[in-house]
Amino acid sequence: MTQMLKYWQLIRSSFWFIPGLMTSGAAMLALGMVALDQAKSEEWLESVGFAYTGGAEGATTVLGTIAGSMITIAGVVFSMTLVALSLASSQLGPRLLRNFMRDQINQVVLGTFVATFIYCLLVLRTIRREEGDVFVPHLAVTLGVVLAVVSVGVLIYFIHHISLAIQADQIVARVGRELTDGIDDLFPDHLDPSTRPSRSGGDNSDIPPDFDSEARPVLASRDGYVQSVDIEALRKLATEKDVVFRVERAPGTYVVEHRPLTYVWPAVRVTEELARRVNSTFVLGSSRTPGQDLQFSVDQLVEIAVRALSPGVNDPFTAVRCVDRLGSALCRLAQREIPSPHHYDAHHRLRVIHPPETFPAVLDTAFNQIRQNAASNAAVLIRLLETLAVVATFVERAEDREALRRHAKTMARVAERGLTEEEDLSAVNQRHAAVMEVLDRPTEENAHLRLRHGQPAATP
């Protein structure tokens, strides 16, 4: 299943799949319309008031003009798409190219023009002008004109869409939506505030006491980034072989060939067949993907922010937009139950140990690099602390609150070293104090304040 998802993601990110489907559909439509023209009489055609009623010469000219125009416009659309890709790569980061290539609107627009071209070409070849053998597919020509009109509308919409797509705010918003969607997929369960302490740590008493000394590694069969891990397949395999797996390489990490993917206990049950099946549950690729790698989308927003803060760009407004989106995602993550790293079989025997992403780890990924590159930028430091104050009203777990406290203190120290203007430093200190005030309040009081200000409680 994981391998199929990998190939589906590759297909979705291609410029050939949807245009190919649309072109195939256009070819079948052309054959069908010509067959319908051959089956209908001229009397029936005259009853259709909007149908093309010209001769063979006129039909050839109309279809030839449409076909030539469509292939020309397809080239223009492709050039505009490449310009957008180049602009996004140079200004916002090459890892954002995947988002543009996955944009189905671009793929449908390209497919529309190519499909119309193929349709007109196939209908054009059926027109016969020899004396005594004249055939003009009037309905097919009429549909070709309709497709041309639709294609003009698609071109206008594409120009509007591509103009929006290359705006920094739109790109940040798109990556932010992908991040929140990833949180919804990976952490579907909402946190119960009455459950303290957090249950995310799991029950370590189920781990065999001699696991570290007796377990044997299963090595990777090749290099690459771990794109996804089929935990359910690992659990079934562990149940079948009566072993326990501990996953060593989480999605998003890079694994070197012949380095451990998992450890297996007991070691005596490790065979070549088991190692091959374990490798098949890990999907490796040349790049990271957002499917199970939550921090990939976080890294995309961080990359945009860091590039915006570079001396060559100097665009703190874009960095602030990224901080806002990261804060929104952290608020959502703080309200979600972190799943247990322990996976059991039907008889409640431990089978797989797979540590999940945690709020402190995502927080570190989100704010460390931005803070480091914004040491002398008061506006970004102030927004970072304001965002921490908002996130602090949502956290329930003690370790999450401590992570926020650590980041707030670090940002205050960075400001003291990097800011020279007293007013800027005073503004940063005020925001730092506000974060600490929220973190020092009981979680029940923060939940009450959220409700009073129209924000949802931690558990909807």
Protein backbone atom coordinates (compact mmCIF):
# COMPACT_ATOMS: atom_id res chain seq x y z
CA MET A 1 0.00 0.00 0.00
CA THR A 2 2.78 2.46 0.91
CA GLN A 3 4.55 1.78 -2.38
CA MET A 4 1.30 2.45 -4.27
CA LEU A 5 0.88 5.75 -2.40
CA LYS A 6 4.42 6.70 -3.36
CA TYR A 7 3.75 6.13 -7.06
CA TRP A 8 0.41 7.95 -6.80
CA GLN A 9 2.21 10.99 -5.35
CA LEU A 10 4.70 10.87 -8.23
CA ILE A 11 1.86 10.72 -10.74
CA ARG A 12 0.04 13.64 -9.06
CA SER A 13 3.20 15.74 -9.31
CA SER A 14 3.63 15.11 -13.04
CA PHE A 15 2.61 17.27 -15.97
CA TRP A 16 1.71 14.27 -18.12
CA PHE A 17 -0.92 12.26 -16.21
CA ILE A 18 -3.97 14.55 -16.26
CA PRO A 19 -3.15 15.99 -19.74
CA GLY A 20 -2.68 12.40 -20.92
CA LEU A 21 -6.10 11.38 -19.59
CA MET A 22 -7.73 14.44 -21.14
CA THR A 23 -6.03 13.79 -24.48
CA SER A 24 -7.21 10.17 -24.49
CA GLY A 25 -10.72 11.34 -23.69
CA ALA A 26 -10.57 13.88 -26.51
CA ALA A 27 -9.50 11.17 -28.97
CA MET A 28 -12.42 8.93 -27.97
CA LEU A 29 -14.78 11.91 -28.11
CA ALA A 30 -13.64 12.74 -31.63
CA LEU A 31 -14.23 9.18 -32.83
CA GLY A 32 -17.63 9.11 -31.15
CA MET A 33 -18.78 12.42 -32.60
CA VAL A 34 -17.69 11.42 -36.11
CA ALA A 35 -19.58 8.13 -35.76
CA LEU A 36 -22.65 10.06 -34.60
CA ASP A 37 -22.37 12.34 -37.64
CA GLN A 38 -22.22 9.33 -39.93
CA ALA A 39 -25.33 7.84 -38.34
CA LYS A 40 -27.54 10.94 -38.44
CA SER A 41 -29.30 12.33 -41.48
CA GLU A 42 -29.11 15.89 -42.82
CA GLU A 43 -32.76 16.47 -41.85
CA TRP A 44 -31.87 15.80 -38.20
CA LEU A 45 -28.91 18.14 -38.49
CA GLU A 46 -31.09 20.99 -39.76
CA SER A 47 -33.22 20.71 -36.61
CA VAL A 48 -30.19 21.62 -34.51
CA GLY A 49 -30.07 25.37 -34.94
CA PHE A 50 -26.56 26.01 -33.59
CA ALA A 51 -24.79 23.25 -35.56
CA TYR A 52 -22.13 24.05 -38.16
CA THR A 53 -23.68 23.79 -41.63
CA GLY A 54 -20.81 24.86 -43.89
CA GLY A 55 -18.98 22.79 -46.47
CA ALA A 56 -15.82 20.74 -46.40
CA GLU A 57 -13.51 23.68 -47.16
CA GLY A 58 -14.95 25.76 -44.37
CA ALA A 59 -14.80 22.88 -41.88
CA THR A 60 -11.17 22.25 -42.78
CA THR A 61 -10.31 25.91 -42.28
CA VAL A 62 -12.13 26.13 -38.92
CA LEU A 63 -10.59 22.99 -37.48
CA GLY A 64 -7.12 23.85 -38.81
CA THR A 65 -7.30 27.31 -37.26
CA ILE A 66 -8.43 25.95 -33.90
CA ALA A 67 -5.78 23.22 -33.87
CA GLY A 68 -2.97 25.65 -34.70
CA SER A 69 -4.16 28.13 -32.10
CA MET A 70 -4.46 25.52 -29.39
CA ILE A 71 -0.95 24.12 -29.78
CA THR A 72 0.43 27.67 -29.80
CA ILE A 73 -1.44 28.58 -26.62
CA ALA A 74 -0.29 25.31 -25.02
CA GLY A 75 3.29 26.42 -25.61
CA VAL A 76 2.54 29.81 -24.04
CA VAL A 77 0.92 28.16 -21.01
CA PHE A 78 3.89 25.84 -20.60
CA SER A 79 6.29 28.80 -20.80
CA MET A 80 4.30 30.76 -18.21
CA THR A 81 4.32 27.74 -15.91
CA LEU A 82 8.09 27.40 -16.23
CA VAL A 83 8.51 31.11 -15.43
CA ALA A 84 6.42 30.65 -12.27
CA LEU A 85 8.45 27.59 -11.29
CA SER A 86 11.72 29.45 -11.85
CA LEU A 87 10.53 32.44 -9.83
CA ALA A 88 9.38 30.28 -6.93
CA SER A 89 12.60 28.28 -6.96
CA SER A 90 14.91 31.31 -6.90
CA GLN A 91 13.02 33.47 -4.41
CA LEU A 92 11.21 31.06 -2.11
CA GLY A 93 13.12 27.79 -2.36
CA PRO A 94 13.46 24.84 -4.75
CA ARG A 95 11.48 22.52 -2.48
CA LEU A 96 8.34 24.50 -3.31
CA LEU A 97 8.44 23.31 -6.93
CA ARG A 98 6.55 20.19 -5.86
CA ASN A 99 3.61 22.36 -4.78
CA PHE A 100 3.44 24.03 -8.20
CA MET A 101 3.74 20.75 -10.06
CA ARG A 102 0.96 19.23 -7.94
CA ASP A 103 -1.34 22.15 -8.76
CA GLN A 104 -4.12 20.41 -10.67
CA ILE A 105 -5.32 23.66 -12.20
CA ASN A 106 -2.05 23.99 -14.14
CA GLN A 107 -2.31 20.38 -15.26
CA VAL A 108 -5.96 20.74 -16.34
CA VAL A 109 -5.22 23.95 -18.25
CA LEU A 110 -2.37 22.32 -20.15
CA GLY A 111 -4.54 19.27 -20.80
CA THR A 112 -7.41 21.42 -22.10
CA PHE A 113 -5.37 22.93 -24.92
CA VAL A 114 -3.61 19.70 -25.87
CA ALA A 115 -6.90 17.77 -25.80
CA THR A 116 -8.63 20.37 -28.01
CA PHE A 117 -5.71 20.20 -30.44
CA ILE A 118 -5.91 16.39 -30.64
CA TYR A 119 -9.70 16.49 -31.02
CA CYS A 120 -9.55 18.91 -33.95
CA LEU A 121 -6.73 16.98 -35.58
CA LEU A 122 -8.62 13.67 -35.46
CA VAL A 123 -11.87 15.22 -36.72
CA LEU A 124 -9.97 17.04 -39.48
CA ARG A 125 -8.67 13.78 -40.96
CA THR A 126 -12.22 12.44 -41.45
CA ILE A 127 -13.34 15.25 -43.77
CA ARG A 128 -13.59 14.03 -47.37
CA ARG A 129 -13.74 16.44 -50.31
CA GLU A 130 -13.43 14.14 -53.34
CA GLU A 131 -16.13 14.54 -55.97
CA GLY A 132 -18.89 12.08 -55.24
CA ASP A 133 -17.52 11.29 -51.80
CA VAL A 134 -18.04 14.34 -49.59
CA PHE A 135 -18.30 13.97 -45.82
CA VAL A 136 -18.41 16.84 -43.33
CA PRO A 137 -18.83 15.90 -39.62
CA HIS A 138 -21.01 18.89 -38.78
CA LEU A 139 -21.66 17.97 -35.14
CA ALA A 140 -17.99 17.19 -34.54
CA VAL A 141 -16.96 20.54 -36.05
CA THR A 142 -19.56 22.31 -33.91
CA LEU A 143 -18.15 20.68 -30.79
CA GLY A 144 -14.66 21.74 -31.87
CA VAL A 145 -15.82 25.37 -31.97
CA VAL A 146 -17.38 24.96 -28.51
CA LEU A 147 -14.11 23.52 -27.17
CA ALA A 148 -12.23 26.48 -28.64
CA VAL A 149 -14.53 28.93 -26.86
CA VAL A 150 -14.12 27.01 -23.59
CA SER A 151 -10.35 27.04 -24.07
CA VAL A 152 -10.36 30.83 -24.33
CA GLY A 153 -12.16 30.99 -20.98
CA VAL A 154 -9.66 28.54 -19.51
CA LEU A 155 -6.79 30.72 -20.74
CA ILE A 156 -8.24 33.79 -19.05
CA TYR A 157 -8.69 31.87 -15.81
CA PHE A 158 -5.15 30.49 -16.03
CA ILE A 159 -3.68 33.97 -16.32
CA HIS A 160 -5.63 34.97 -13.20
CA HIS A 161 -4.58 31.80 -11.35
CA ILE A 162 -0.88 32.02 -12.17
CA SER A 163 -0.84 35.70 -11.14
CA LEU A 164 -2.12 34.69 -7.71
CA ALA A 165 -0.02 31.55 -7.44
CA ILE A 166 3.33 33.37 -7.56
CA GLN A 167 2.43 35.78 -4.76
CA ALA A 168 4.36 35.04 -1.58
CA ASP A 169 1.30 35.27 0.68
CA GLN A 170 -0.58 32.74 -1.46
CA ILE A 171 2.34 30.33 -1.44
CA VAL A 172 2.71 30.62 2.33
CA ALA A 173 -1.03 30.05 2.75
CA ARG A 174 -0.93 26.97 0.52
CA VAL A 175 1.97 25.41 2.46
CA GLY A 176 0.24 26.34 5.73
CA ARG A 177 -2.93 24.50 4.65
CA GLU A 178 -0.84 21.47 3.74
CA LEU A 179 0.73 21.57 7.21
CA THR A 180 -2.61 21.74 9.03
CA ASP A 181 -4.00 18.98 6.81
CA GLY A 182 -1.00 16.86 7.79
CA ILE A 183 -1.71 17.46 11.47
CA ASP A 184 -5.33 16.42 10.95
CA ASP A 185 -4.22 13.22 9.21
CA LEU A 186 -1.43 12.22 11.62
CA PHE A 187 -3.09 13.38 14.86
CA PRO A 188 -6.84 12.89 14.39
CA ASP A 189 -7.69 12.49 18.09
CA HIS A 190 -8.38 15.59 20.14
CA LEU A 191 -6.71 15.92 23.52
CA ASP A 192 -8.76 15.31 26.63
CA PRO A 193 -7.66 18.06 29.06
CA SER A 194 -8.67 15.88 32.02
CA THR A 195 -6.01 13.34 31.08
CA ARG A 196 -2.80 14.31 32.85
CA PRO A 197 0.01 13.49 32.65
CA SER A 198 0.26 12.94 28.92
CA ARG A 199 -0.20 9.39 27.74
CA SER A 200 2.07 9.90 24.72
CA GLY A 201 5.02 8.21 26.39
CA GLY A 202 3.50 4.73 26.31
CA ASP A 203 4.07 1.88 28.77
CA ASN A 204 7.76 1.02 28.73
CA SER A 205 7.16 -1.98 30.97
CA ASP A 206 5.92 -3.87 27.90
CA ILE A 207 9.35 -3.64 26.25
CA PRO A 208 11.38 -6.83 26.79
CA PRO A 209 14.03 -6.11 29.44
CA ASP A 210 16.81 -7.60 27.30
CA PHE A 211 15.73 -5.77 24.13
CA ASP A 212 18.85 -3.59 23.84
CA SER A 213 21.25 -6.46 24.38
CA GLU A 214 19.43 -9.15 22.38
CA ALA A 215 17.89 -7.21 19.47
CA ARG A 216 19.44 -7.41 16.02
CA PRO A 217 19.27 -4.70 13.34
CA VAL A 218 17.61 -5.03 9.95
CA LEU A 219 19.71 -3.02 7.51
CA ALA A 220 18.52 -0.77 4.70
CA SER A 221 18.85 -2.23 1.23
CA ARG A 222 19.56 1.16 -0.35
CA ASP A 223 20.10 4.87 0.34
CA GLY A 224 17.34 7.46 0.45
CA TYR A 225 14.94 9.54 2.50
CA VAL A 226 12.31 7.62 4.41
CA GLN A 227 9.06 8.86 2.89
CA SER A 228 6.67 6.61 4.79
CA VAL A 229 6.56 3.53 7.01
CA ASP A 230 3.72 1.00 6.83
CA ILE A 231 3.27 0.44 10.58
CA GLU A 232 0.26 -1.81 10.06
CA ALA A 233 2.26 -4.10 7.77
CA LEU A 234 5.10 -4.15 10.32
CA ARG A 235 2.65 -5.04 13.09
CA LYS A 236 1.19 -7.92 11.06
CA LEU A 237 4.68 -9.16 10.20
CA ALA A 238 5.74 -8.99 13.85
CA THR A 239 2.64 -10.95 14.86
CA GLU A 240 3.31 -13.56 12.20
CA LYS A 241 6.96 -14.01 13.18
CA ASP A 242 6.38 -13.45 16.93
CA VAL A 243 8.95 -10.65 17.19
CA VAL A 244 9.12 -7.02 18.34
CA PHE A 245 10.26 -4.24 16.00
CA ARG A 246 11.71 -0.90 17.06
CA VAL A 247 11.70 1.57 14.17
CA GLU A 248 14.98 3.48 14.00
CA ARG A 249 14.42 5.70 10.97
CA ALA A 250 11.33 7.90 11.09
CA PRO A 251 9.75 9.49 7.98
CA GLY A 252 11.83 12.46 6.86
CA THR A 253 15.18 11.08 7.93
CA TYR A 254 17.93 9.97 5.57
CA VAL A 255 19.10 6.39 5.72
CA VAL A 256 22.38 5.07 4.36
CA GLU A 257 22.57 1.65 2.81
CA HIS A 258 23.46 -1.08 5.32
CA ARG A 259 22.46 1.11 8.26
CA PRO A 260 19.69 -0.01 10.67
CA LEU A 261 16.07 0.54 9.70
CA THR A 262 14.68 -1.38 12.65
CA TYR A 263 15.86 -3.53 15.52
CA VAL A 264 14.25 -6.96 15.93
CA TRP A 265 13.83 -8.94 19.12
CA PRO A 266 14.63 -11.78 19.54
CA ALA A 267 17.64 -11.85 17.22
CA VAL A 268 17.37 -15.58 16.50
CA ARG A 269 14.26 -15.00 14.40
CA VAL A 270 15.94 -12.58 11.99
CA THR A 271 16.27 -14.12 8.52
CA GLU A 272 16.93 -12.83 5.03
CA GLU A 273 13.26 -13.23 4.21
CA LEU A 274 12.29 -11.18 7.28
CA ALA A 275 14.80 -8.46 6.37
CA ARG A 276 13.42 -8.29 2.83
CA ARG A 277 9.84 -7.94 4.07
CA VAL A 278 10.86 -5.27 6.59
CA ASN A 279 12.55 -3.28 3.83
CA SER A 280 9.37 -3.47 1.75
CA THR A 281 7.45 -1.62 4.50
CA PHE A 282 9.79 1.39 4.22
CA VAL A 283 9.28 3.68 1.23
CA LEU A 284 12.57 5.37 0.33
CA GLY A 285 12.98 8.14 -2.23
CA SER A 286 15.32 10.86 -3.42
CA SER A 287 13.39 13.60 -1.59
CA ARG A 288 11.12 14.12 1.39
CA THR A 289 7.35 14.11 1.06
CA PRO A 290 4.65 15.45 3.42
CA GLY A 291 2.59 12.25 3.72
CA GLN A 292 3.95 11.04 7.08
CA ASP A 293 6.67 13.68 7.45
CA LEU A 294 5.03 16.54 9.34
CA GLN A 295 8.27 18.46 9.66
CA PHE A 296 8.67 18.63 5.88
CA SER A 297 5.87 21.18 5.59
CA VAL A 298 7.27 22.99 8.63
CA ASP A 299 10.67 23.12 6.94
CA GLN A 300 9.09 24.62 3.82
CA LEU A 301 7.64 27.53 5.79
CA VAL A 302 10.91 27.93 7.68
CA GLU A 303 12.86 28.00 4.41
CA ILE A 304 10.62 30.77 3.04
CA ALA A 305 11.07 32.77 6.24
CA VAL A 306 14.84 32.32 6.37
CA ARG A 307 15.21 33.33 2.72
CA ALA A 308 13.04 36.38 3.37
CA LEU A 309 15.32 37.37 6.27
CA SER A 310 18.50 37.04 4.22
CA PRO A 311 20.36 40.33 3.47
CA GLY A 312 19.81 39.88 -0.27
CA VAL A 313 16.00 39.76 0.09
CA ASN A 314 15.31 41.61 3.36
CA ASP A 315 11.56 40.91 3.42
CA PRO A 316 10.48 40.61 7.08
CA PHE A 317 6.79 40.79 6.10
CA THR A 318 6.98 37.39 4.39
CA ALA A 319 8.81 36.00 7.42
CA VAL A 320 6.01 37.27 9.66
CA ARG A 321 3.43 35.55 7.45
CA CYS A 322 5.33 32.28 7.87
CA VAL A 323 5.44 32.71 11.65
CA ASP A 324 1.67 33.26 11.66
CA ARG A 325 1.05 30.04 9.75
CA LEU A 326 3.44 28.09 11.96
CA GLY A 327 1.68 29.44 15.03
CA SER A 328 -1.68 28.34 13.68
CA ALA A 329 -0.36 24.82 13.11
CA LEU A 330 1.18 24.67 16.60
CA CYS A 331 -2.12 25.72 18.17
CA ARG A 332 -3.81 22.86 16.34
CA LEU A 333 -1.09 20.36 17.30
CA ALA A 334 -1.22 21.40 20.97
CA GLN A 335 -4.87 20.29 21.06
CA ARG A 336 -4.20 16.84 19.59
CA GLU A 337 -3.48 13.60 21.41
CA ILE A 338 0.03 12.36 20.67
CA PRO A 339 -0.36 8.66 19.80
CA SER A 340 1.46 6.03 21.79
CA PRO A 341 4.74 4.79 20.29
CA HIS A 342 3.69 1.23 21.16
CA HIS A 343 1.60 -0.84 18.77
CA TYR A 344 0.03 -4.11 19.94
CA ASP A 345 -1.48 -7.19 18.35
CA ALA A 346 -4.97 -8.54 18.96
CA HIS A 347 -3.78 -10.25 22.18
CA HIS A 348 -2.31 -6.99 23.50
CA ARG A 349 1.28 -8.07 23.01
CA LEU A 350 3.77 -5.37 22.06
CA ARG A 351 4.80 -5.69 18.41
CA VAL A 352 6.10 -2.35 17.12
CA ILE A 353 7.80 0.61 18.80
CA HIS A 354 7.55 3.72 16.64
CA PRO A 355 8.06 7.09 18.42
CA PRO A 356 5.71 9.72 16.90
CA GLU A 357 6.30 13.39 16.32
CA THR A 358 5.95 15.48 19.47
CA PHE A 359 4.95 19.09 20.03
CA PRO A 360 8.40 20.14 21.40
CA ALA A 361 10.17 18.64 18.37
CA VAL A 362 7.88 20.42 15.89
CA LEU A 363 8.24 23.66 17.88
CA ASP A 364 12.03 23.43 17.67
CA THR A 365 11.90 22.85 13.92
CA ALA A 366 9.47 25.74 13.44
CA PHE A 367 11.21 28.49 15.40
CA ASN A 368 14.91 27.66 15.87
CA GLN A 369 16.19 28.75 12.46
CA ILE A 370 13.84 31.72 12.22
CA ARG A 371 15.00 32.95 15.62
CA GLN A 372 18.64 32.48 14.67
CA ASN A 373 18.24 34.50 11.47
CA ALA A 374 16.09 37.20 13.09
CA ALA A 375 18.48 38.05 15.91
CA SER A 376 18.67 41.70 14.83
CA ASN A 377 15.11 42.02 13.46
CA ALA A 378 12.81 43.38 16.15
CA ALA A 379 9.61 42.95 14.11
CA VAL A 380 10.12 39.21 13.62
CA LEU A 381 11.23 38.61 17.22
CA ILE A 382 8.16 40.45 18.48
CA ARG A 383 5.88 38.36 16.25
CA LEU A 384 7.60 35.16 17.39
CA LEU A 385 6.90 36.01 21.03
CA GLU A 386 3.33 37.08 20.26
CA THR A 387 2.80 33.75 18.52
CA LEU A 388 4.22 31.87 21.51
CA ALA A 389 1.74 33.71 23.75
CA VAL A 390 -1.17 32.58 21.54
CA VAL A 391 0.07 28.99 21.38
CA ALA A 392 0.56 28.99 25.16
CA THR A 393 -3.19 29.41 25.66
CA PHE A 394 -3.79 26.08 23.91
CA VAL A 395 -1.15 23.80 25.46
CA GLU A 396 -2.24 21.21 28.04
CA ARG A 397 0.77 18.94 28.45
CA ALA A 398 3.50 19.93 30.89
CA GLU A 399 6.31 19.14 28.43
CA ASP A 400 4.69 21.39 25.82
CA ARG A 401 4.52 24.29 28.26
CA GLU A 402 8.15 23.80 29.21
CA ALA A 403 9.16 23.84 25.53
CA LEU A 404 7.35 27.16 25.03
CA ARG A 405 9.00 28.58 28.14
CA ARG A 406 12.43 27.54 26.86
CA HIS A 407 11.86 29.21 23.48
CA ALA A 408 10.57 32.43 25.07
CA LYS A 409 13.64 32.71 27.28
CA THR A 410 15.95 32.02 24.36
CA MET A 411 14.28 34.71 22.24
CA ALA A 412 14.64 37.23 25.08
CA ARG A 413 18.38 36.46 25.33
CA VAL A 414 18.79 36.74 21.55
CA ALA A 415 17.09 40.15 21.60
CA GLU A 416 19.37 41.42 24.35
CA ARG A 417 22.42 40.54 22.25
CA GLY A 418 21.10 41.52 18.82
CA LEU A 419 18.97 44.64 19.34
CA THR A 420 20.65 47.98 19.93
CA GLU A 421 17.59 50.22 20.14
CA GLU A 422 16.13 50.44 23.65
CA GLU A 423 12.53 50.81 22.43
CA ASP A 424 12.81 47.64 20.37
CA LEU A 425 14.30 45.76 23.30
CA SER A 426 11.57 47.05 25.59
CA ALA A 427 8.88 45.85 23.17
CA VAL A 428 10.47 42.41 23.04
CA ASN A 429 10.66 42.23 26.84
CA GLN A 430 6.99 43.15 27.12
CA ARG A 431 6.04 40.29 24.78
CA HIS A 432 8.33 37.94 26.71
CA ALA A 433 6.60 38.88 29.95
CA ALA A 434 3.21 38.28 28.33
CA VAL A 435 4.27 34.77 27.27
CA MET A 436 5.47 33.97 30.79
CA GLU A 437 2.24 35.28 32.27
CA VAL A 438 0.18 32.95 30.10
CA LEU A 439 2.45 29.98 30.85
CA ASP A 440 2.25 30.64 34.61
CA ARG A 441 -1.56 30.60 34.58
CA PRO A 442 -3.41 27.32 35.19
CA THR A 443 -4.56 25.61 32.01
CA GLU A 444 -8.21 25.86 33.13
CA GLU A 445 -7.92 29.66 33.26
CA ASN A 446 -6.42 29.74 29.76
CA ALA A 447 -9.30 27.61 28.48
CA HIS A 448 -11.78 30.02 30.08
CA LEU A 449 -10.04 33.01 28.46
CA ARG A 450 -10.15 31.31 25.05
CA LEU A 451 -13.88 30.81 25.36
CA ARG A 452 -14.39 34.40 26.51
CA HIS A 453 -12.52 35.71 23.47
CA GLY A 454 -14.46 33.50 21.07
CA GLN A 455 -11.78 30.82 20.62
CA PRO A 456 -12.64 27.14 20.96
CA ALA A 457 -11.68 25.12 23.97
CA ALA A 458 -8.99 22.50 23.61
CA THR A 459 -11.56 19.76 23.09
CA PRO A 460 -14.30 20.71 20.58
